[in-house]
Amino acid sequence: MFGPQVPTMTVNDVADDTYLLDVREDDEWAAGHAPGAHHLPMMELPARIAEVPNDRDVAVICRSGGRSAQVVAYLMNNGWDQVRNVEGGMGHWAAAGRPVTTDSGAPGHVI
């Protein structure tokens, strides 16, 4: 769908110390997200790109992998090289049994 120029990783490849960038919308984030993830909605990325570290591994996640693939391509075009798309997004994350939480600390769900 996006070709080989967008490197990917599975949800099980996301290490605890990986910078996990969640590019979903506010309502999706509020319903549930990975613990420790950093929220930056895709449409805000151009204005907030400096918030994304370029000196460590960054995993980009959305609901299913489409928006995050676009963000990975955008970051790579802007000089990021340690960035990967999380295959299947939060849907695969939850299905794999990885934790999903809310800002209050309560269990979350993927919408």
PDB file of N, CA and C in Angstrom:
ATOM      1  N   MET A   1       0.817  -1.195   0.000  1.00  0.00           N
ATOM      2  CA  MET A   1       0.000   0.000   0.000  1.00  0.00           C
ATOM      3  C   MET A   1       0.854   1.248   0.000  1.00  0.00           C
ATOM      4  N   PHE A   2       1.898   1.292   0.819  1.00  0.00           N
ATOM      5  CA  PHE A   2       2.774   2.459   0.812  1.00  0.00           C
ATOM      6  C   PHE A   2       4.155   2.133   0.251  1.00  0.00           C
ATOM      7  N   GLY A   3       4.377   0.879  -0.069  1.00  0.00           N
ATOM      8  CA  GLY A   3       5.659   0.509  -0.664  1.00  0.00           C
ATOM      9  C   GLY A   3       6.740   0.314   0.372  1.00  0.00           C
ATOM     10  N   PRO A   4       7.903  -0.102  -0.089  1.00  0.00           N
ATOM     11  CA  PRO A   4       8.986  -0.453   0.823  1.00  0.00           C
ATOM     12  C   PRO A   4       9.671   0.741   1.473  1.00  0.00           C
ATOM     13  N   GLN A   5       9.332   1.972   1.072  1.00  0.00           N
ATOM     14  CA  GLN A   5      10.022   3.119   1.633  1.00  0.00           C
ATOM     15  C   GLN A   5       9.580   3.418   3.066  1.00  0.00           C
ATOM     16  N   VAL A   6       8.506   2.773   3.532  1.00  0.00           N
ATOM     17  CA  VAL A   6       8.039   3.000   4.897  1.00  0.00           C
ATOM     18  C   VAL A   6       8.365   1.772   5.733  1.00  0.00           C
ATOM     19  N   PRO A   7       9.412   1.846   6.555  1.00  0.00           N
ATOM     20  CA  PRO A   7       9.776   0.702   7.393  1.00  0.00           C
ATOM     21  C   PRO A   7       8.719   0.449   8.454  1.00  0.00           C
ATOM     22  N   THR A   8       8.486  -0.818   8.749  1.00  0.00           N
ATOM     23  CA  THR A   8       7.457  -1.187   9.706  1.00  0.00           C
ATOM     24  C   THR A   8       8.028  -2.061  10.813  1.00  0.00           C
ATOM     25  N   MET A   9       7.233  -2.215  11.848  1.00  0.00           N
ATOM     26  CA  MET A   9       7.541  -3.122  12.952  1.00  0.00           C
ATOM     27  C   MET A   9       6.217  -3.657  13.475  1.00  0.00           C
ATOM     28  N   THR A  10       6.245  -4.790  14.147  1.00  0.00           N
ATOM     29  CA  THR A  10       5.028  -5.330  14.736  1.00  0.00           C
ATOM     30  C   THR A  10       4.847  -4.754  16.136  1.00  0.00           C
ATOM     31  N   VAL A  11       3.655  -4.901  16.677  1.00  0.00           N
ATOM     32  CA  VAL A  11       3.407  -4.381  18.025  1.00  0.00           C
ATOM     33  C   VAL A  11       4.324  -5.064  19.040  1.00  0.00           C
ATOM     34  N   ASN A  12       4.658  -6.311  18.805  1.00  0.00           N
ATOM     35  CA  ASN A  12       5.526  -7.021  19.746  1.00  0.00           C
ATOM     36  C   ASN A  12       6.981  -6.579  19.645  1.00  0.00           C
ATOM     37  N   ASP A  13       7.339  -5.863  18.565  1.00  0.00           N
ATOM     38  CA  ASP A  13       8.698  -5.339  18.417  1.00  0.00           C
ATOM     39  C   ASP A  13       8.883  -4.003  19.132  1.00  0.00           C
ATOM     40  N   VAL A  14       7.807  -3.395  19.609  1.00  0.00           N
ATOM     41  CA  VAL A  14       7.893  -2.103  20.281  1.00  0.00           C
ATOM     42  C   VAL A  14       8.407  -2.331  21.702  1.00  0.00           C
ATOM     43  N   ALA A  15       9.639  -1.897  21.946  1.00  0.00           N
ATOM     44  CA  ALA A  15      10.252  -2.061  23.264  1.00  0.00           C
ATOM     45  C   ALA A  15       9.723  -1.005  24.223  1.00  0.00           C
ATOM     46  N   ASP A  16       9.870  -1.270  25.510  1.00  0.00           N
ATOM     47  CA  ASP A  16       9.386  -0.334  26.523  1.00  0.00           C
ATOM     48  C   ASP A  16      10.062   1.026  26.424  1.00  0.00           C
ATOM     49  N   ASP A  17      11.311   1.064  25.918  1.00  0.00           N
ATOM     50  CA  ASP A  17      12.036   2.330  25.847  1.00  0.00           C
ATOM     51  C   ASP A  17      11.922   3.012  24.481  1.00  0.00           C
ATOM     52  N   THR A  18      11.124   2.445  23.587  1.00  0.00           N
ATOM     53  CA  THR A  18      10.905   3.066  22.281  1.00  0.00           C
ATOM     54  C   THR A  18       9.973   4.267  22.448  1.00  0.00           C
ATOM     55  N   TYR A  19      10.265   5.353  21.752  1.00  0.00           N
ATOM     56  CA  TYR A  19       9.388   6.530  21.762  1.00  0.00           C
ATOM     57  C   TYR A  19       8.185   6.187  20.890  1.00  0.00           C
ATOM     58  N   LEU A  20       7.018   5.983  21.512  1.00  0.00           N
ATOM     59  CA  LEU A  20       5.807   5.600  20.791  1.00  0.00           C
ATOM     60  C   LEU A  20       4.979   6.846  20.535  1.00  0.00           C
ATOM     61  N   LEU A  21       4.841   7.184  19.266  1.00  0.00           N
ATOM     62  CA  LEU A  21       4.127   8.392  18.847  1.00  0.00           C
ATOM     63  C   LEU A  21       2.751   8.004  18.327  1.00  0.00           C
ATOM     64  N   ASP A  22       1.714   8.409  19.038  1.00  0.00           N
ATOM     65  CA  ASP A  22       0.327   8.108  18.677  1.00  0.00           C
ATOM     66  C   ASP A  22      -0.228   9.299  17.914  1.00  0.00           C
ATOM     67  N   VAL A  23      -0.576   9.103  16.643  1.00  0.00           N
ATOM     68  CA  VAL A  23      -1.004  10.205  15.784  1.00  0.00           C
ATOM     69  C   VAL A  23      -2.512  10.235  15.566  1.00  0.00           C
ATOM     70  N   ARG A  24      -3.259   9.524  16.419  1.00  0.00           N
ATOM     71  CA  ARG A  24      -4.715   9.515  16.290  1.00  0.00           C
ATOM     72  C   ARG A  24      -5.323  10.815  16.811  1.00  0.00           C
ATOM     73  N   GLU A  25      -6.619  10.984  16.551  1.00  0.00           N
ATOM     74  CA  GLU A  25      -7.328  12.187  16.983  1.00  0.00           C
ATOM     75  C   GLU A  25      -7.569  12.160  18.499  1.00  0.00           C
ATOM     76  N   ASP A  26      -7.949  13.306  19.058  1.00  0.00           N
ATOM     77  CA  ASP A  26      -8.126  13.443  20.498  1.00  0.00           C
ATOM     78  C   ASP A  26      -9.119  12.434  21.073  1.00  0.00           C
ATOM     79  N   ASP A  27     -10.249  12.206  20.366  1.00  0.00           N
ATOM     80  CA  ASP A  27     -11.256  11.287  20.910  1.00  0.00           C
ATOM     81  C   ASP A  27     -10.740   9.852  20.918  1.00  0.00           C
ATOM     82  N   GLU A  28      -9.951   9.479  19.919  1.00  0.00           N
ATOM     83  CA  GLU A  28      -9.370   8.139  19.877  1.00  0.00           C
ATOM     84  C   GLU A  28      -8.373   7.960  21.023  1.00  0.00           C
ATOM     85  N   TRP A  29      -7.542   8.979  21.235  1.00  0.00           N
ATOM     86  CA  TRP A  29      -6.559   8.950  22.330  1.00  0.00           C
ATOM     87  C   TRP A  29      -7.272   8.831  23.673  1.00  0.00           C
ATOM     88  N   ALA A  30      -8.332   9.635  23.873  1.00  0.00           N
ATOM     89  CA  ALA A  30      -9.040   9.651  25.149  1.00  0.00           C
ATOM     90  C   ALA A  30      -9.670   8.294  25.465  1.00  0.00           C
ATOM     91  N   ALA A  31     -10.131   7.580  24.447  1.00  0.00           N
ATOM     92  CA  ALA A  31     -10.776   6.281  24.663  1.00  0.00           C
ATOM     93  C   ALA A  31      -9.772   5.242  25.140  1.00  0.00           C
ATOM     94  N   GLY A  32      -8.535   5.333  24.638  1.00  0.00           N
ATOM     95  CA  GLY A  32      -7.522   4.395  25.078  1.00  0.00           C
ATOM     96  C   GLY A  32      -6.265   4.489  24.245  1.00  0.00           C
ATOM     97  N   HIS A  33      -5.120   4.374  24.933  1.00  0.00           N
ATOM     98  CA  HIS A  33      -3.827   4.461  24.261  1.00  0.00           C
ATOM     99  C   HIS A  33      -2.825   3.588  24.996  1.00  0.00           C
ATOM    100  N   ALA A  34      -1.691   3.381  24.369  1.00  0.00           N
ATOM    101  CA  ALA A  34      -0.628   2.602  24.994  1.00  0.00           C
ATOM    102  C   ALA A  34      -0.013   3.407  26.138  1.00  0.00           C
ATOM    103  N   PRO A  35       0.259   2.758  27.274  1.00  0.00           N
ATOM    104  CA  PRO A  35       0.924   3.464  28.372  1.00  0.00           C
ATOM    105  C   PRO A  35       2.269   4.020  27.896  1.00  0.00           C
ATOM    106  N   GLY A  36       2.552   5.264  28.252  1.00  0.00           N
ATOM    107  CA  GLY A  36       3.825   5.868  27.882  1.00  0.00           C
ATOM    108  C   GLY A  36       3.882   6.442  26.484  1.00  0.00           C
ATOM    109  N   ALA A  37       2.800   6.304  25.730  1.00  0.00           N
ATOM    110  CA  ALA A  37       2.786   6.855  24.370  1.00  0.00           C
ATOM    111  C   ALA A  37       2.734   8.382  24.428  1.00  0.00           C
ATOM    112  N   HIS A  38       3.182   9.001  23.347  1.00  0.00           N
ATOM    113  CA  HIS A  38       3.161  10.459  23.211  1.00  0.00           C
ATOM    114  C   HIS A  38       2.123  10.806  22.160  1.00  0.00           C
ATOM    115  N   HIS A  39       1.170  11.678  22.517  1.00  0.00           N
ATOM    116  CA  HIS A  39       0.064  12.002  21.606  1.00  0.00           C
ATOM    117  C   HIS A  39       0.383  13.244  20.782  1.00  0.00           C
ATOM    118  N   LEU A  40       0.299  13.080  19.467  1.00  0.00           N
ATOM    119  CA  LEU A  40       0.486  14.198  18.555  1.00  0.00           C
ATOM    120  C   LEU A  40      -0.382  13.908  17.321  1.00  0.00           C
ATOM    121  N   PRO A  41      -1.602  14.472  17.284  1.00  0.00           N
ATOM    122  CA  PRO A  41      -2.485  14.190  16.155  1.00  0.00           C
ATOM    123  C   PRO A  41      -1.813  14.491  14.810  1.00  0.00           C
ATOM    124  N   MET A  42      -2.078  13.635  13.837  1.00  0.00           N
ATOM    125  CA  MET A  42      -1.403  13.720  12.543  1.00  0.00           C
ATOM    126  C   MET A  42      -1.466  15.122  11.935  1.00  0.00           C
ATOM    127  N   MET A  43      -2.614  15.768  12.011  1.00  0.00           N
ATOM    128  CA  MET A  43      -2.755  17.071  11.368  1.00  0.00           C
ATOM    129  C   MET A  43      -1.951  18.164  12.072  1.00  0.00           C
ATOM    130  N   GLU A  44      -1.517  17.924  13.309  1.00  0.00           N
ATOM    131  CA  GLU A  44      -0.715  18.906  14.037  1.00  0.00           C
ATOM    132  C   GLU A  44       0.786  18.685  13.840  1.00  0.00           C
ATOM    133  N   LEU A  45       1.152  17.587  13.192  1.00  0.00           N
ATOM    134  CA  LEU A  45       2.562  17.233  13.067  1.00  0.00           C
ATOM    135  C   LEU A  45       3.423  18.328  12.429  1.00  0.00           C
ATOM    136  N   PRO A  46       3.009  18.920  11.296  1.00  0.00           N
ATOM    137  CA  PRO A  46       3.894  19.933  10.696  1.00  0.00           C
ATOM    138  C   PRO A  46       4.250  21.069  11.658  1.00  0.00           C
ATOM    139  N   ALA A  47       3.311  21.501  12.484  1.00  0.00           N
ATOM    140  CA  ALA A  47       3.563  22.598  13.416  1.00  0.00           C
ATOM    141  C   ALA A  47       4.328  22.150  14.652  1.00  0.00           C
ATOM    142  N   ARG A  48       4.263  20.836  14.958  1.00  0.00           N
ATOM    143  CA  ARG A  48       4.855  20.348  16.203  1.00  0.00           C
ATOM    144  C   ARG A  48       5.975  19.337  15.955  1.00  0.00           C
ATOM    145  N   ILE A  49       6.513  19.297  14.746  1.00  0.00           N
ATOM    146  CA  ILE A  49       7.496  18.278  14.376  1.00  0.00           C
ATOM    147  C   ILE A  49       8.727  18.295  15.284  1.00  0.00           C
ATOM    148  N   ALA A  50       9.062  19.449  15.840  1.00  0.00           N
ATOM    149  CA  ALA A  50      10.234  19.538  16.714  1.00  0.00           C
ATOM    150  C   ALA A  50      10.066  18.725  17.995  1.00  0.00           C
ATOM    151  N   GLU A  51       8.835  18.343  18.330  1.00  0.00           N
ATOM    152  CA  GLU A  51       8.587  17.538  19.525  1.00  0.00           C
ATOM    153  C   GLU A  51       9.005  16.081  19.340  1.00  0.00           C
ATOM    154  N   VAL A  52       9.176  15.665  18.094  1.00  0.00           N
ATOM    155  CA  VAL A  52       9.506  14.265  17.811  1.00  0.00           C
ATOM    156  C   VAL A  52      11.026  14.098  17.849  1.00  0.00           C
ATOM    157  N   PRO A  53      11.537  13.240  18.725  1.00  0.00           N
ATOM    158  CA  PRO A  53      12.997  13.072  18.802  1.00  0.00           C
ATOM    159  C   PRO A  53      13.548  12.450  17.527  1.00  0.00           C
ATOM    160  N   ASN A  54      14.718  12.921  17.108  1.00  0.00           N
ATOM    161  CA  ASN A  54      15.344  12.332  15.916  1.00  0.00           C
ATOM    162  C   ASN A  54      16.665  11.667  16.253  1.00  0.00           C
ATOM    163  N   ASP A  55      16.877  11.414  17.553  1.00  0.00           N
ATOM    164  CA  ASP A  55      18.126  10.788  17.979  1.00  0.00           C
ATOM    165  C   ASP A  55      17.878   9.438  18.657  1.00  0.00           C
ATOM    166  N   ARG A  56      16.683   8.879  18.476  1.00  0.00           N
ATOM    167  CA  ARG A  56      16.349   7.578  19.067  1.00  0.00           C
ATOM    168  C   ARG A  56      15.263   6.922  18.235  1.00  0.00           C
ATOM    169  N   ASP A  57      15.010   5.652  18.514  1.00  0.00           N
ATOM    170  CA  ASP A  57      13.972   4.936  17.780  1.00  0.00           C
ATOM    171  C   ASP A  57      12.596   5.523  18.081  1.00  0.00           C
ATOM    172  N   VAL A  58      11.823   5.751  17.017  1.00  0.00           N
ATOM    173  CA  VAL A  58      10.462   6.255  17.141  1.00  0.00           C
ATOM    174  C   VAL A  58       9.540   5.271  16.433  1.00  0.00           C
ATOM    175  N   ALA A  59       8.519   4.812  17.134  1.00  0.00           N
ATOM    176  CA  ALA A  59       7.482   3.966  16.550  1.00  0.00           C
ATOM    177  C   ALA A  59       6.226   4.813  16.444  1.00  0.00           C
ATOM    178  N   VAL A  60       5.615   4.848  15.259  1.00  0.00           N
ATOM    179  CA  VAL A  60       4.429   5.668  15.028  1.00  0.00           C
ATOM    180  C   VAL A  60       3.220   4.744  14.918  1.00  0.00           C
ATOM    181  N   ILE A  61       2.164   5.081  15.665  1.00  0.00           N
ATOM    182  CA  ILE A  61       0.978   4.237  15.708  1.00  0.00           C
ATOM    183  C   ILE A  61      -0.284   5.057  15.507  1.00  0.00           C
ATOM    184  N   CYS A  62      -1.284   4.453  14.839  1.00  0.00           N
ATOM    185  CA  CYS A  62      -2.612   5.050  14.720  1.00  0.00           C
ATOM    186  C   CYS A  62      -3.617   3.925  14.984  1.00  0.00           C
ATOM    187  N   ARG A  63      -4.817   3.999  14.430  1.00  0.00           N
ATOM    188  CA  ARG A  63      -5.799   2.945  14.696  1.00  0.00           C
ATOM    189  C   ARG A  63      -5.467   1.669  13.944  1.00  0.00           C
ATOM    190  N   SER A  64      -5.119   1.810  12.644  1.00  0.00           N
ATOM    191  CA  SER A  64      -4.908   0.600  11.836  1.00  0.00           C
ATOM    192  C   SER A  64      -3.610   0.584  11.041  1.00  0.00           C
ATOM    193  N   GLY A  65      -2.870   1.679  11.023  1.00  0.00           N
ATOM    194  CA  GLY A  65      -1.587   1.713  10.329  1.00  0.00           C
ATOM    195  C   GLY A  65      -1.510   2.632   9.131  1.00  0.00           C
ATOM    196  N   GLY A  66      -2.625   3.169   8.684  1.00  0.00           N
ATOM    197  CA  GLY A  66      -2.631   4.037   7.504  1.00  0.00           C
ATOM    198  C   GLY A  66      -2.088   5.429   7.765  1.00  0.00           C
ATOM    199  N   ARG A  67      -2.643   6.108   8.764  1.00  0.00           N
ATOM    200  CA  ARG A  67      -2.174   7.455   9.087  1.00  0.00           C
ATOM    201  C   ARG A  67      -0.726   7.415   9.565  1.00  0.00           C
ATOM    202  N   SER A  68      -0.395   6.402  10.372  1.00  0.00           N
ATOM    203  CA  SER A  68       0.969   6.335  10.893  1.00  0.00           C
ATOM    204  C   SER A  68       1.976   6.115   9.770  1.00  0.00           C
ATOM    205  N   ALA A  69       1.594   5.359   8.725  1.00  0.00           N
ATOM    206  CA  ALA A  69       2.495   5.178   7.582  1.00  0.00           C
ATOM    207  C   ALA A  69       2.754   6.514   6.888  1.00  0.00           C
ATOM    208  N   GLN A  70       1.714   7.336   6.775  1.00  0.00           N
ATOM    209  CA  GLN A  70       1.887   8.666   6.176  1.00  0.00           C
ATOM    210  C   GLN A  70       2.820   9.518   7.029  1.00  0.00           C
ATOM    211  N   VAL A  71       2.683   9.422   8.350  1.00  0.00           N
ATOM    212  CA  VAL A  71       3.533  10.200   9.248  1.00  0.00           C
ATOM    213  C   VAL A  71       4.985   9.723   9.154  1.00  0.00           C
ATOM    214  N   VAL A  72       5.198   8.402   9.093  1.00  0.00           N
ATOM    215  CA  VAL A  72       6.559   7.880   8.943  1.00  0.00           C
ATOM    216  C   VAL A  72       7.189   8.428   7.671  1.00  0.00           C
ATOM    217  N   ALA A  73       6.450   8.392   6.558  1.00  0.00           N
ATOM    218  CA  ALA A  73       6.971   8.917   5.293  1.00  0.00           C
ATOM    219  C   ALA A  73       7.304  10.400   5.421  1.00  0.00           C
ATOM    220  N   TYR A  74       6.438  11.159   6.074  1.00  0.00           N
ATOM    221  CA  TYR A  74       6.657  12.593   6.265  1.00  0.00           C
ATOM    222  C   TYR A  74       7.915  12.841   7.090  1.00  0.00           C
ATOM    223  N   LEU A  75       8.059  12.105   8.202  1.00  0.00           N
ATOM    224  CA  LEU A  75       9.238  12.283   9.044  1.00  0.00           C
ATOM    225  C   LEU A  75      10.512  11.908   8.290  1.00  0.00           C
ATOM    226  N   MET A  76      10.468  10.807   7.546  1.00  0.00           N
ATOM    227  CA  MET A  76      11.651  10.393   6.784  1.00  0.00           C
ATOM    228  C   MET A  76      12.033  11.452   5.752  1.00  0.00           C
ATOM    229  N   ASN A  77      11.035  12.070   5.128  1.00  0.00           N
ATOM    230  CA  ASN A  77      11.303  13.128   4.153  1.00  0.00           C
ATOM    231  C   ASN A  77      11.868  14.382   4.809  1.00  0.00           C
ATOM    232  N   ASN A  78      11.733  14.467   6.136  1.00  0.00           N
ATOM    233  CA  ASN A  78      12.238  15.621   6.871  1.00  0.00           C
ATOM    234  C   ASN A  78      13.462  15.288   7.716  1.00  0.00           C
ATOM    235  N   GLY A  79      14.121  14.169   7.410  1.00  0.00           N
ATOM    236  CA  GLY A  79      15.403  13.876   8.020  1.00  0.00           C
ATOM    237  C   GLY A  79      15.419  12.849   9.136  1.00  0.00           C
ATOM    238  N   TRP A  80      14.270  12.305   9.496  1.00  0.00           N
ATOM    239  CA  TRP A  80      14.241  11.264  10.522  1.00  0.00           C
ATOM    240  C   TRP A  80      14.605   9.933   9.871  1.00  0.00           C
ATOM    241  N   ASP A  81      15.482   9.156  10.513  1.00  0.00           N
ATOM    242  CA  ASP A  81      15.819   7.858   9.938  1.00  0.00           C
ATOM    243  C   ASP A  81      15.573   6.693  10.890  1.00  0.00           C
ATOM    244  N   GLN A  82      15.298   6.967  12.169  1.00  0.00           N
ATOM    245  CA  GLN A  82      15.039   5.898  13.135  1.00  0.00           C
ATOM    246  C   GLN A  82      13.549   5.862  13.446  1.00  0.00           C
ATOM    247  N   VAL A  83      12.734   5.797  12.402  1.00  0.00           N
ATOM    248  CA  VAL A  83      11.287   5.851  12.573  1.00  0.00           C
ATOM    249  C   VAL A  83      10.652   4.669  11.853  1.00  0.00           C
ATOM    250  N   ARG A  84       9.652   4.039  12.504  1.00  0.00           N
ATOM    251  CA  ARG A  84       8.990   2.855  11.974  1.00  0.00           C
ATOM    252  C   ARG A  84       7.484   2.967  12.175  1.00  0.00           C
ATOM    253  N   ASN A  85       6.734   2.393  11.239  1.00  0.00           N
ATOM    254  CA  ASN A  85       5.289   2.318  11.340  1.00  0.00           C
ATOM    255  C   ASN A  85       4.918   1.042  12.094  1.00  0.00           C
ATOM    256  N   VAL A  86       4.019   1.146  13.070  1.00  0.00           N
ATOM    257  CA  VAL A  86       3.561  -0.031  13.811  1.00  0.00           C
ATOM    258  C   VAL A  86       2.436  -0.687  13.007  1.00  0.00           C
ATOM    259  N   GLU A  87       2.711  -1.877  12.473  1.00  0.00           N
ATOM    260  CA  GLU A  87       1.750  -2.597  11.633  1.00  0.00           C
ATOM    261  C   GLU A  87       0.461  -2.875  12.397  1.00  0.00           C
ATOM    262  N   GLY A  88      -0.662  -2.571  11.756  1.00  0.00           N
ATOM    263  CA  GLY A  88      -1.953  -2.878  12.348  1.00  0.00           C
ATOM    264  C   GLY A  88      -2.423  -1.920  13.416  1.00  0.00           C
ATOM    265  N   GLY A  89      -1.551  -0.988  13.812  1.00  0.00           N
ATOM    266  CA  GLY A  89      -1.930   0.062  14.746  1.00  0.00           C
ATOM    267  C   GLY A  89      -2.448  -0.429  16.088  1.00  0.00           C
ATOM    268  N   MET A  90      -3.269   0.411  16.703  1.00  0.00           N
ATOM    269  CA  MET A  90      -3.801   0.100  18.028  1.00  0.00           C
ATOM    270  C   MET A  90      -4.718  -1.115  18.000  1.00  0.00           C
ATOM    271  N   GLY A  91      -5.316  -1.416  16.860  1.00  0.00           N
ATOM    272  CA  GLY A  91      -6.131  -2.629  16.754  1.00  0.00           C
ATOM    273  C   GLY A  91      -5.298  -3.866  17.019  1.00  0.00           C
ATOM    274  N   HIS A  92      -4.134  -3.948  16.369  1.00  0.00           N
ATOM    275  CA  HIS A  92      -3.232  -5.076  16.606  1.00  0.00           C
ATOM    276  C   HIS A  92      -2.631  -5.017  18.004  1.00  0.00           C
ATOM    277  N   TRP A  93      -2.360  -3.797  18.490  1.00  0.00           N
ATOM    278  CA  TRP A  93      -1.796  -3.624  19.828  1.00  0.00           C
ATOM    279  C   TRP A  93      -2.717  -4.287  20.866  1.00  0.00           C
ATOM    280  N   ALA A  94      -4.002  -3.927  20.826  1.00  0.00           N
ATOM    281  CA  ALA A  94      -4.960  -4.475  21.787  1.00  0.00           C
ATOM    282  C   ALA A  94      -5.139  -5.979  21.567  1.00  0.00           C
ATOM    283  N   ALA A  95      -5.211  -6.419  20.311  1.00  0.00           N
ATOM    284  CA  ALA A  95      -5.404  -7.835  20.006  1.00  0.00           C
ATOM    285  C   ALA A  95      -4.236  -8.685  20.494  1.00  0.00           C
ATOM    286  N   ALA A  96      -3.044  -8.084  20.542  1.00  0.00           N
ATOM    287  CA  ALA A  96      -1.856  -8.807  20.999  1.00  0.00           C
ATOM    288  C   ALA A  96      -1.767  -8.854  22.527  1.00  0.00           C
ATOM    289  N   GLY A  97      -2.736  -8.230  23.191  1.00  0.00           N
ATOM    290  CA  GLY A  97      -2.737  -8.241  24.645  1.00  0.00           C
ATOM    291  C   GLY A  97      -1.863  -7.174  25.276  1.00  0.00           C
ATOM    292  N   ARG A  98      -1.393  -6.227  24.451  1.00  0.00           N
ATOM    293  CA  ARG A  98      -0.600  -5.123  25.014  1.00  0.00           C
ATOM    294  C   ARG A  98      -1.554  -4.197  25.777  1.00  0.00           C
ATOM    295  N   PRO A  99      -1.066  -3.524  26.816  1.00  0.00           N
ATOM    296  CA  PRO A  99      -1.974  -2.718  27.649  1.00  0.00           C
ATOM    297  C   PRO A  99      -2.516  -1.487  26.922  1.00  0.00           C
ATOM    298  N   VAL A 100      -3.775  -1.168  27.240  1.00  0.00           N
ATOM    299  CA  VAL A 100      -4.443   0.031  26.734  1.00  0.00           C
ATOM    300  C   VAL A 100      -5.000   0.746  27.955  1.00  0.00           C
ATOM    301  N   THR A 101      -4.679   2.027  28.084  1.00  0.00           N
ATOM    302  CA  THR A 101      -5.062   2.788  29.270  1.00  0.00           C
ATOM    303  C   THR A 101      -5.675   4.126  28.854  1.00  0.00           C
ATOM    304  N   THR A 102      -6.123   4.888  29.843  1.00  0.00           N
ATOM    305  CA  THR A 102      -6.637   6.237  29.605  1.00  0.00           C
ATOM    306  C   THR A 102      -5.803   7.212  30.438  1.00  0.00           C
ATOM    307  N   ASP A 103      -6.022   8.498  30.223  1.00  0.00           N
ATOM    308  CA  ASP A 103      -5.265   9.498  30.977  1.00  0.00           C
ATOM    309  C   ASP A 103      -5.521   9.392  32.473  1.00  0.00           C
ATOM    310  N   SER A 104      -6.694   8.889  32.859  1.00  0.00           N
ATOM    311  CA  SER A 104      -7.010   8.742  34.278  1.00  0.00           C
ATOM    312  C   SER A 104      -6.376   7.488  34.877  1.00  0.00           C
ATOM    313  N   GLY A 105      -5.808   6.638  34.009  1.00  0.00           N
ATOM    314  CA  GLY A 105      -5.224   5.406  34.486  1.00  0.00           C
ATOM    315  C   GLY A 105      -6.167   4.219  34.429  1.00  0.00           C
ATOM    316  N   ALA A 106      -7.412   4.476  34.061  1.00  0.00           N
ATOM    317  CA  ALA A 106      -8.401   3.397  33.935  1.00  0.00           C
ATOM    318  C   ALA A 106      -8.132   2.611  32.648  1.00  0.00           C
ATOM    319  N   PRO A 107      -8.611   1.365  32.605  1.00  0.00           N
ATOM    320  CA  PRO A 107      -8.448   0.596  31.363  1.00  0.00           C
ATOM    321  C   PRO A 107      -9.132   1.315  30.201  1.00  0.00           C
ATOM    322  N   GLY A 108      -8.498   1.263  29.043  1.00  0.00           N
ATOM    323  CA  GLY A 108      -9.056   1.917  27.882  1.00  0.00           C
ATOM    324  C   GLY A 108      -9.454   0.914  26.825  1.00  0.00           C
ATOM    325  N   HIS A 109      -9.972   1.439  25.716  1.00  0.00           N
ATOM    326  CA  HIS A 109     -10.319   0.600  24.574  1.00  0.00           C
ATOM    327  C   HIS A 109     -10.024   1.369  23.294  1.00  0.00           C
ATOM    328  N   VAL A 110      -9.924   0.645  22.208  1.00  0.00           N
ATOM    329  CA  VAL A 110      -9.582   1.240  20.914  1.00  0.00           C
ATOM    330  C   VAL A 110     -10.855   1.527  20.145  1.00  0.00           C
ATOM    331  N   ILE A 111     -10.993   2.775  19.679  1.00  0.00           N
ATOM    332  CA  ILE A 111     -12.148   3.129  18.847  1.00  0.00           C
ATOM    333  C   ILE A 111     -11.678   3.474  17.453  1.00  0.00           C
TER     334      ILE A 111
END
